[in-house]
Amino acid sequence: IKCVKFGLGAVRQVGVKGALCLLIERTCWEIMRQAHRYEMYCRPKRIFILRHGESEGNVDKSLFETMPDHLHNLTPTGVEQARRVGRKLKEIVGDESVYFQVSPYLRTRQTLQHILESFNVDMAGKDLRRLQPGGGGGGG
């Protein structure tokens, strides 16, 4: 079937196959238009890349000899850094939906936990690796 690009008034001229082709073409066009609108809606407005707050390993390099890297905690300074970043992020994004991607290292999850204090997210019993956009999350 060869598609013919005519207006709806031309359906009689192109016959049933042509009308079917025209209908398929218009349907495909509408699907593509809606998909583009959805893509534009879902695309992030901005992306922030953050590093964890100060960790025990940042302060005492000898800890890397005795403790696995992924188990280093935040220091009190690191906790305050994370809280400060959380307040600043909340100030920037306001009530917009937010998605956080976090590594499994303890210090990065602790950083996120303190950042989320500014977003009024109750983290009790939630798995920080499974948070959903907007602050929802999986059970722990």
N, C-alpha and C. Protein backbone atom coordinates (compact mmCIF):
# COMPACT_ATOMS: atom_id res chain seq x y z
N ILE A 1 0.85 -1.18 0.00
CA ILE A 1 0.00 0.00 0.00
C ILE A 1 0.89 1.23 0.00
N LYS A 2 0.68 2.09 -0.95
CA LYS A 2 1.42 3.34 -1.01
C LYS A 2 0.59 4.41 -0.32
N CYS A 3 1.21 5.04 0.70
CA CYS A 3 0.48 6.07 1.45
C CYS A 3 0.45 7.37 0.66
N VAL A 4 -0.70 7.99 0.68
CA VAL A 4 -0.89 9.25 0.00
C VAL A 4 -1.20 10.31 1.04
N LYS A 5 -0.48 11.41 1.02
CA LYS A 5 -0.67 12.47 2.01
C LYS A 5 -1.68 13.49 1.50
N PHE A 6 -2.95 13.21 1.78
CA PHE A 6 -4.03 14.13 1.42
C PHE A 6 -4.83 14.44 2.67
N GLY A 7 -5.63 15.44 2.60
CA GLY A 7 -6.56 15.76 3.68
C GLY A 7 -7.67 14.73 3.73
N LEU A 8 -8.50 14.78 4.77
CA LEU A 8 -9.58 13.82 4.90
C LEU A 8 -10.58 13.89 3.75
N GLY A 9 -10.72 15.04 3.14
CA GLY A 9 -11.63 15.18 1.99
C GLY A 9 -11.20 14.36 0.80
N ALA A 10 -9.95 13.96 0.77
CA ALA A 10 -9.42 13.22 -0.37
C ALA A 10 -9.57 11.71 -0.20
N VAL A 11 -10.17 11.25 0.92
CA VAL A 11 -10.30 9.81 1.17
C VAL A 11 -11.06 9.13 0.05
N ARG A 12 -12.10 9.77 -0.46
CA ARG A 12 -12.89 9.17 -1.53
C ARG A 12 -12.02 8.96 -2.77
N GLN A 13 -11.07 9.84 -2.99
CA GLN A 13 -10.23 9.74 -4.18
C GLN A 13 -9.19 8.64 -4.08
N VAL A 14 -8.72 8.31 -2.86
CA VAL A 14 -7.65 7.33 -2.73
C VAL A 14 -8.17 5.93 -2.46
N GLY A 15 -9.43 5.75 -2.16
CA GLY A 15 -10.00 4.44 -1.93
C GLY A 15 -9.77 3.95 -0.52
N VAL A 16 -10.23 2.72 -0.26
CA VAL A 16 -10.18 2.15 1.08
C VAL A 16 -8.74 1.95 1.55
N LYS A 17 -7.89 1.42 0.69
CA LYS A 17 -6.49 1.20 1.07
C LYS A 17 -5.81 2.52 1.38
N GLY A 18 -6.08 3.51 0.57
CA GLY A 18 -5.49 4.83 0.81
C GLY A 18 -6.01 5.45 2.08
N ALA A 19 -7.30 5.28 2.36
CA ALA A 19 -7.89 5.83 3.59
C ALA A 19 -7.29 5.14 4.81
N LEU A 20 -7.12 3.82 4.71
CA LEU A 20 -6.52 3.07 5.81
C LEU A 20 -5.08 3.53 6.05
N CYS A 21 -4.36 3.72 4.97
CA CYS A 21 -2.98 4.19 5.07
C CYS A 21 -2.93 5.57 5.72
N LEU A 22 -3.85 6.43 5.32
CA LEU A 22 -3.91 7.78 5.88
C LEU A 22 -4.22 7.73 7.37
N LEU A 23 -5.14 6.86 7.76
CA LEU A 23 -5.50 6.70 9.16
C LEU A 23 -4.29 6.21 9.97
N ILE A 24 -3.58 5.23 9.44
CA ILE A 24 -2.38 4.72 10.12
C ILE A 24 -1.33 5.81 10.24
N GLU A 25 -1.12 6.55 9.18
CA GLU A 25 -0.12 7.62 9.19
C GLU A 25 -0.47 8.67 10.24
N ARG A 26 -1.73 9.08 10.29
CA ARG A 26 -2.14 10.09 11.27
C ARG A 26 -2.05 9.55 12.69
N THR A 27 -2.39 8.27 12.88
CA THR A 27 -2.29 7.66 14.20
C THR A 27 -0.83 7.62 14.65
N CYS A 28 0.05 7.21 13.76
CA CYS A 28 1.48 7.18 14.08
C CYS A 28 1.99 8.57 14.43
N TRP A 29 1.57 9.56 13.67
CA TRP A 29 1.98 10.93 13.94
C TRP A 29 1.52 11.38 15.33
N GLU A 30 0.29 11.04 15.68
CA GLU A 30 -0.24 11.42 16.99
C GLU A 30 0.50 10.70 18.11
N ILE A 31 0.82 9.43 17.91
CA ILE A 31 1.59 8.69 18.92
C ILE A 31 2.96 9.33 19.10
N MET A 32 3.61 9.68 18.02
CA MET A 32 4.92 10.33 18.10
C MET A 32 4.82 11.68 18.81
N ARG A 33 3.77 12.43 18.51
CA ARG A 33 3.57 13.73 19.15
C ARG A 33 3.37 13.57 20.67
N GLN A 34 2.54 12.61 21.07
CA GLN A 34 2.31 12.37 22.49
C GLN A 34 3.57 11.86 23.18
N ALA A 35 4.33 11.00 22.51
CA ALA A 35 5.57 10.49 23.08
C ALA A 35 6.56 11.62 23.31
N HIS A 36 6.63 12.56 22.37
CA HIS A 36 7.54 13.70 22.53
C HIS A 36 7.10 14.55 23.72
N ARG A 37 5.80 14.78 23.86
CA ARG A 37 5.30 15.56 25.00
C ARG A 37 5.65 14.86 26.30
N TYR A 38 5.48 13.53 26.35
CA TYR A 38 5.79 12.77 27.55
C TYR A 38 7.28 12.86 27.86
N GLU A 39 8.11 12.72 26.82
CA GLU A 39 9.56 12.80 27.00
C GLU A 39 9.95 14.16 27.56
N MET A 40 9.37 15.22 27.05
CA MET A 40 9.69 16.56 27.53
C MET A 40 9.24 16.72 28.98
N TYR A 41 8.11 16.11 29.34
CA TYR A 41 7.60 16.21 30.70
C TYR A 41 8.50 15.45 31.67
N CYS A 42 9.01 14.30 31.25
CA CYS A 42 9.80 13.43 32.12
C CYS A 42 11.27 13.80 32.19
N ARG A 43 11.73 14.57 31.28
CA ARG A 43 13.14 14.96 31.26
C ARG A 43 13.43 15.82 32.49
N PRO A 44 14.55 15.55 33.18
CA PRO A 44 14.84 16.36 34.37
C PRO A 44 15.10 17.82 34.00
N LYS A 45 14.64 18.68 34.87
CA LYS A 45 14.85 20.10 34.68
C LYS A 45 16.32 20.46 34.91
N ARG A 46 16.94 19.77 35.87
CA ARG A 46 18.35 19.99 36.17
C ARG A 46 18.91 18.76 36.87
N ILE A 47 20.21 18.62 36.83
CA ILE A 47 20.90 17.48 37.45
C ILE A 47 21.98 18.03 38.38
N PHE A 48 21.98 17.54 39.60
CA PHE A 48 23.01 17.90 40.57
C PHE A 48 23.86 16.67 40.83
N ILE A 49 25.16 16.83 40.86
CA ILE A 49 26.07 15.75 41.19
C ILE A 49 26.79 16.14 42.48
N LEU A 50 26.63 15.32 43.49
CA LEU A 50 27.19 15.63 44.81
C LEU A 50 28.14 14.53 45.25
N ARG A 51 29.08 14.90 46.05
CA ARG A 51 29.98 13.94 46.69
C ARG A 51 29.53 13.80 48.13
N HIS A 52 29.81 12.66 48.74
CA HIS A 52 29.44 12.45 50.14
C HIS A 52 30.12 13.46 51.04
N GLY A 53 29.59 13.62 52.24
CA GLY A 53 30.23 14.48 53.22
C GLY A 53 31.53 13.87 53.71
N GLU A 54 32.25 14.63 54.50
CA GLU A 54 33.53 14.16 55.02
C GLU A 54 33.35 12.83 55.75
N SER A 55 34.21 11.87 55.42
CA SER A 55 34.11 10.54 56.05
C SER A 55 35.32 10.28 56.94
N GLU A 56 35.22 9.22 57.71
CA GLU A 56 36.32 8.82 58.60
C GLU A 56 37.60 8.61 57.80
N GLY A 57 37.48 8.02 56.61
CA GLY A 57 38.64 7.78 55.77
C GLY A 57 39.26 9.05 55.21
N ASN A 58 38.45 10.11 55.07
CA ASN A 58 39.00 11.39 54.63
C ASN A 58 39.88 12.01 55.72
N VAL A 59 39.53 11.76 56.98
CA VAL A 59 40.24 12.33 58.11
C VAL A 59 41.45 11.48 58.50
N ASP A 60 41.26 10.17 58.48
CA ASP A 60 42.33 9.25 58.91
C ASP A 60 42.55 8.21 57.81
N LYS A 61 43.54 8.44 56.96
CA LYS A 61 43.82 7.54 55.83
C LYS A 61 44.21 6.13 56.27
N SER A 62 44.69 5.98 57.50
CA SER A 62 45.11 4.65 57.96
C SER A 62 43.91 3.71 58.12
N LEU A 63 42.72 4.25 58.20
CA LEU A 63 41.52 3.41 58.32
C LEU A 63 41.33 2.52 57.09
N PHE A 64 41.84 2.94 55.94
CA PHE A 64 41.72 2.13 54.74
C PHE A 64 42.48 0.81 54.86
N GLU A 65 43.44 0.76 55.80
CA GLU A 65 44.21 -0.46 56.02
C GLU A 65 43.47 -1.45 56.90
N THR A 66 42.53 -0.97 57.71
CA THR A 66 41.88 -1.83 58.69
C THR A 66 40.38 -2.00 58.48
N MET A 67 39.77 -1.13 57.68
CA MET A 67 38.32 -1.16 57.49
C MET A 67 38.01 -1.07 56.01
N PRO A 68 37.08 -1.90 55.52
CA PRO A 68 36.70 -1.80 54.10
C PRO A 68 36.19 -0.40 53.77
N ASP A 69 36.55 0.07 52.60
CA ASP A 69 36.20 1.41 52.14
C ASP A 69 34.70 1.69 52.24
N HIS A 70 33.89 0.72 51.88
CA HIS A 70 32.44 0.95 51.84
C HIS A 70 31.80 1.05 53.22
N LEU A 71 32.55 0.80 54.30
CA LEU A 71 32.00 0.86 55.65
C LEU A 71 32.37 2.12 56.43
N HIS A 72 33.05 3.06 55.80
CA HIS A 72 33.44 4.29 56.49
C HIS A 72 32.22 5.18 56.72
N ASN A 73 32.08 5.65 57.95
CA ASN A 73 30.98 6.54 58.33
C ASN A 73 31.32 7.99 58.04
N LEU A 74 30.29 8.82 58.08
CA LEU A 74 30.52 10.27 58.05
C LEU A 74 31.05 10.72 59.40
N THR A 75 31.84 11.76 59.37
CA THR A 75 32.27 12.41 60.61
C THR A 75 31.18 13.42 60.99
N PRO A 76 31.23 13.99 62.20
CA PRO A 76 30.27 15.05 62.54
C PRO A 76 30.32 16.22 61.53
N THR A 77 31.51 16.53 61.04
CA THR A 77 31.64 17.57 60.01
C THR A 77 30.91 17.14 58.74
N GLY A 78 31.05 15.87 58.35
CA GLY A 78 30.36 15.34 57.17
C GLY A 78 28.85 15.39 57.31
N VAL A 79 28.36 15.12 58.51
CA VAL A 79 26.91 15.20 58.77
C VAL A 79 26.44 16.63 58.56
N GLU A 80 27.17 17.58 59.11
CA GLU A 80 26.78 18.99 58.95
C GLU A 80 26.88 19.43 57.49
N GLN A 81 27.88 18.96 56.77
CA GLN A 81 27.99 19.28 55.34
C GLN A 81 26.76 18.77 54.59
N ALA A 82 26.35 17.55 54.89
CA ALA A 82 25.19 16.96 54.21
C ALA A 82 23.91 17.74 54.54
N ARG A 83 23.75 18.12 55.77
CA ARG A 83 22.55 18.91 56.17
C ARG A 83 22.55 20.26 55.47
N ARG A 84 23.72 20.89 55.38
CA ARG A 84 23.82 22.19 54.72
C ARG A 84 23.47 22.07 53.23
N VAL A 85 23.97 21.01 52.58
CA VAL A 85 23.66 20.78 51.17
C VAL A 85 22.16 20.50 51.00
N GLY A 86 21.59 19.73 51.93
CA GLY A 86 20.15 19.45 51.88
C GLY A 86 19.32 20.72 51.94
N ARG A 87 19.69 21.64 52.82
CA ARG A 87 18.96 22.91 52.92
C ARG A 87 19.08 23.71 51.63
N LYS A 88 20.29 23.73 51.06
CA LYS A 88 20.51 24.48 49.81
C LYS A 88 19.74 23.86 48.65
N LEU A 89 19.77 22.52 48.54
CA LEU A 89 19.01 21.85 47.47
C LEU A 89 17.52 22.13 47.61
N LYS A 90 17.00 22.05 48.82
CA LYS A 90 15.57 22.30 49.05
C LYS A 90 15.22 23.74 48.66
N GLU A 91 16.11 24.65 48.96
CA GLU A 91 15.91 26.05 48.59
C GLU A 91 15.84 26.19 47.06
N ILE A 92 16.66 25.45 46.35
CA ILE A 92 16.71 25.53 44.88
C ILE A 92 15.51 24.85 44.24
N VAL A 93 15.19 23.64 44.67
CA VAL A 93 14.14 22.86 43.98
C VAL A 93 12.74 23.08 44.55
N GLY A 94 12.64 23.61 45.75
CA GLY A 94 11.32 23.86 46.33
C GLY A 94 10.52 22.58 46.47
N ASP A 95 9.30 22.60 45.92
CA ASP A 95 8.41 21.45 46.02
C ASP A 95 8.41 20.58 44.77
N GLU A 96 9.38 20.77 43.89
CA GLU A 96 9.47 19.93 42.69
C GLU A 96 9.77 18.49 43.08
N SER A 97 9.39 17.57 42.22
CA SER A 97 9.72 16.16 42.43
C SER A 97 11.23 15.98 42.28
N VAL A 98 11.80 15.13 43.13
CA VAL A 98 13.25 14.94 43.15
C VAL A 98 13.56 13.45 43.12
N TYR A 99 14.58 13.06 42.38
CA TYR A 99 15.04 11.68 42.32
C TYR A 99 16.50 11.66 42.73
N PHE A 100 16.85 10.78 43.65
CA PHE A 100 18.24 10.65 44.10
C PHE A 100 18.80 9.30 43.67
N GLN A 101 19.98 9.31 43.10
CA GLN A 101 20.71 8.09 42.74
C GLN A 101 21.91 8.03 43.68
N VAL A 102 22.05 6.94 44.43
CA VAL A 102 23.06 6.87 45.48
C VAL A 102 23.83 5.56 45.39
N SER A 103 25.13 5.63 45.62
CA SER A 103 25.93 4.40 45.65
C SER A 103 25.62 3.64 46.94
N PRO A 104 25.99 2.37 47.02
CA PRO A 104 25.70 1.58 48.22
C PRO A 104 26.65 1.82 49.39
N TYR A 105 27.67 2.65 49.21
CA TYR A 105 28.61 2.90 50.30
C TYR A 105 27.88 3.56 51.48
N LEU A 106 28.26 3.16 52.68
CA LEU A 106 27.61 3.65 53.89
C LEU A 106 27.62 5.17 53.96
N ARG A 107 28.76 5.78 53.69
CA ARG A 107 28.85 7.25 53.82
C ARG A 107 27.96 7.98 52.83
N THR A 108 27.72 7.39 51.65
CA THR A 108 26.84 8.06 50.68
C THR A 108 25.39 7.94 51.11
N ARG A 109 25.02 6.79 51.68
CA ARG A 109 23.65 6.64 52.18
C ARG A 109 23.41 7.53 53.40
N GLN A 110 24.43 7.67 54.24
CA GLN A 110 24.31 8.59 55.39
C GLN A 110 24.17 10.03 54.91
N THR A 111 24.93 10.38 53.88
CA THR A 111 24.83 11.73 53.30
C THR A 111 23.42 11.98 52.81
N LEU A 112 22.87 11.02 52.07
CA LEU A 112 21.50 11.17 51.57
C LEU A 112 20.50 11.30 52.71
N GLN A 113 20.67 10.49 53.73
CA GLN A 113 19.76 10.54 54.86
C GLN A 113 19.71 11.94 55.46
N HIS A 114 20.87 12.57 55.60
CA HIS A 114 20.90 13.92 56.19
C HIS A 114 20.41 14.98 55.19
N ILE A 115 20.64 14.78 53.91
CA ILE A 115 20.08 15.68 52.90
C ILE A 115 18.56 15.63 52.95
N LEU A 116 18.01 14.45 53.08
CA LEU A 116 16.55 14.28 53.05
C LEU A 116 15.85 14.89 54.26
N GLU A 117 16.59 15.18 55.32
CA GLU A 117 15.98 15.87 56.47
C GLU A 117 15.37 17.20 56.02
N SER A 118 15.98 17.85 55.06
CA SER A 118 15.46 19.13 54.55
C SER A 118 14.24 18.94 53.66
N PHE A 119 14.02 17.72 53.18
CA PHE A 119 12.88 17.43 52.31
C PHE A 119 11.73 16.81 53.09
N ASN A 120 11.85 16.80 54.42
CA ASN A 120 10.80 16.25 55.29
C ASN A 120 10.40 14.83 54.90
N VAL A 121 11.39 14.00 54.63
CA VAL A 121 11.15 12.60 54.28
C VAL A 121 11.48 11.76 55.51
N ASP A 122 10.51 10.98 55.97
CA ASP A 122 10.74 10.10 57.10
C ASP A 122 11.43 8.84 56.60
N MET A 123 12.67 8.62 57.01
CA MET A 123 13.45 7.50 56.50
C MET A 123 13.35 6.25 57.36
N ALA A 124 12.57 6.29 58.42
CA ALA A 124 12.46 5.12 59.31
C ALA A 124 11.96 3.91 58.52
N GLY A 125 12.77 2.87 58.51
CA GLY A 125 12.37 1.61 57.87
C GLY A 125 12.45 1.61 56.36
N LYS A 126 12.99 2.65 55.74
CA LYS A 126 13.07 2.69 54.27
C LYS A 126 14.47 2.33 53.80
N ASP A 127 14.52 1.64 52.70
CA ASP A 127 15.78 1.25 52.08
C ASP A 127 16.24 2.42 51.21
N LEU A 128 17.34 3.07 51.58
CA LEU A 128 17.80 4.26 50.86
C LEU A 128 18.18 3.96 49.42
N ARG A 129 18.42 2.69 49.09
CA ARG A 129 18.78 2.35 47.72
C ARG A 129 17.55 2.22 46.84
N ARG A 130 16.35 2.26 47.41
CA ARG A 130 15.15 2.03 46.62
C ARG A 130 14.17 3.20 46.70
N LEU A 131 14.66 4.39 46.94
CA LEU A 131 13.79 5.55 46.99
C LEU A 131 13.21 5.86 45.63
N GLN A 132 12.00 6.32 45.61
CA GLN A 132 11.32 6.67 44.35
C GLN A 132 11.27 8.18 44.22
N PRO A 133 11.04 8.69 43.00
CA PRO A 133 10.92 10.13 42.82
C PRO A 133 9.83 10.70 43.73
N GLY A 134 10.08 11.88 44.23
CA GLY A 134 9.11 12.54 45.08
C GLY A 134 9.21 12.14 46.53
N GLY A 135 10.19 11.30 46.88
CA GLY A 135 10.41 10.98 48.29
C GLY A 135 9.78 9.70 48.77
N GLY A 136 8.99 8.99 47.96
CA GLY A 136 8.44 7.71 48.38
C GLY A 136 9.55 6.69 48.45
N GLY A 137 9.28 5.57 49.03
CA GLY A 137 10.35 4.58 49.07
C GLY A 137 9.87 3.21 49.43
N GLY A 138 10.72 2.25 49.25
CA GLY A 138 10.40 0.87 49.59
C GLY A 138 10.57 0.64 51.07
N GLY A 139 9.90 -0.34 51.60
CA GLY A 139 10.04 -0.69 52.99
C GLY A 139 11.38 -1.34 53.25
N GLY A 140 11.81 -1.33 54.53
CA GLY A 140 13.14 -1.82 54.83
C GLY A 140 13.15 -3.24 55.17
